[in-house]
Amino acid sequence: MVRIQVSTEVAAQMMKPGEAIEIVDTRGMRVGFVSRPITDEEIREARRLADSQPAGSTLDQVWTRIRSGDTGQ
C-alpha cells in the first residue's frame, strides 16, 4: 500500500461531507478519487431514514436526502 501524507488543512477538507474528491497532479492530470469514511452517525441516520421512507427508496436516494439535510421530518 502507498501512503501519502497531507497537511492538516488538506485532511480537514477531505473529511468534509460531500462528493468524492478528485486528486490531480501539478499538471491537472487525474491521479485518483477519494471518499471520506462514512460516520457511525450517518449510518444510523441512513437506517432511520430507510425505515421511515416508503418502500422503493434506493440507497442513493437516502444518501442524497442525508447530505441535503432533509431528514424527512
Protein backbone atom coordinates (compact mmCIF):
# COMPACT_ATOMS: atom_id res chain seq x y z
CA MET A 1 0.00 0.00 0.00
CA VAL A 2 1.21 3.50 -0.82
CA ARG A 3 0.97 6.05 1.99
CA ILE A 4 0.61 9.76 1.18
CA GLN A 5 0.82 12.33 3.95
CA VAL A 6 -1.25 15.51 3.56
CA SER A 7 -1.30 18.72 5.55
CA THR A 8 -3.82 19.25 8.34
CA GLU A 9 -5.72 21.70 6.12
CA VAL A 10 -5.99 19.23 3.23
CA ALA A 11 -7.03 16.44 5.60
CA ALA A 12 -9.79 18.67 7.03
CA GLN A 13 -11.09 19.40 3.52
CA MET A 14 -11.07 15.71 2.67
CA MET A 15 -13.17 14.86 5.73
CA LYS A 16 -15.97 17.34 4.91
CA PRO A 17 -19.27 15.82 3.85
CA GLY A 18 -19.85 15.83 0.14
CA GLU A 19 -18.95 14.18 -3.08
CA ALA A 20 -15.83 12.17 -3.86
CA ILE A 21 -12.63 14.20 -4.08
CA GLU A 22 -10.69 14.20 -7.33
CA ILE A 23 -6.91 14.15 -6.88
CA VAL A 24 -4.80 15.70 -9.64
CA ASP A 25 -1.08 16.23 -10.16
CA THR A 26 0.59 19.59 -10.75
CA ARG A 27 -0.38 19.44 -14.44
CA GLY A 28 -4.02 18.83 -13.63
CA MET A 29 -3.92 15.19 -14.68
CA ARG A 30 -6.26 12.98 -12.68
CA VAL A 31 -4.48 10.68 -10.26
CA GLY A 32 -7.50 9.25 -8.46
CA PHE A 33 -10.52 9.80 -6.27
CA VAL A 34 -11.02 9.67 -2.51
CA SER A 35 -14.20 9.44 -0.45
CA ARG A 36 -14.23 10.18 3.24
CA PRO A 37 -15.32 7.40 5.57
CA ILE A 38 -19.00 7.22 6.49
CA THR A 39 -19.53 8.08 10.15
CA ASP A 40 -21.49 5.95 12.60
CA GLU A 41 -23.96 8.83 12.93
CA GLU A 42 -24.52 8.86 9.15
CA ILE A 43 -25.14 5.12 9.18
CA ARG A 44 -27.69 5.48 12.00
CA GLU A 45 -29.39 8.34 10.14
CA ALA A 46 -29.47 6.37 6.88
CA ARG A 47 -31.07 3.42 8.65
CA ARG A 48 -33.61 5.67 10.36
CA LEU A 49 -34.49 7.31 7.05
CA ALA A 50 -34.69 3.99 5.24
CA ASP A 51 -37.10 2.70 7.89
CA SER A 52 -39.26 5.83 7.64
CA GLN A 53 -39.45 6.03 3.83
CA PRO A 54 -41.93 4.23 1.65
CA ALA A 55 -40.65 1.02 0.12
CA GLY A 56 -38.66 1.63 -3.02
CA SER A 57 -36.14 4.24 -1.81
CA THR A 58 -32.71 3.36 -3.11
CA LEU A 59 -29.59 3.78 -1.02
CA ASP A 60 -28.54 6.62 -3.34
CA GLN A 61 -31.84 8.39 -2.65
CA VAL A 62 -31.37 8.02 1.10
CA TRP A 63 -27.79 9.35 0.94
CA THR A 64 -28.94 12.29 -1.20
CA ARG A 65 -31.53 13.19 1.44
CA ILE A 66 -29.00 12.87 4.26
CA ARG A 67 -26.42 15.01 2.50
CA SER A 68 -29.02 17.66 1.64
CA GLY A 69 -30.07 17.87 5.29
CA ASP A 70 -33.58 16.56 4.53
CA THR A 71 -34.34 14.27 7.45
CA GLY A 72 -37.92 13.69 6.35
CA GLN A 73 -39.40 15.25 9.48
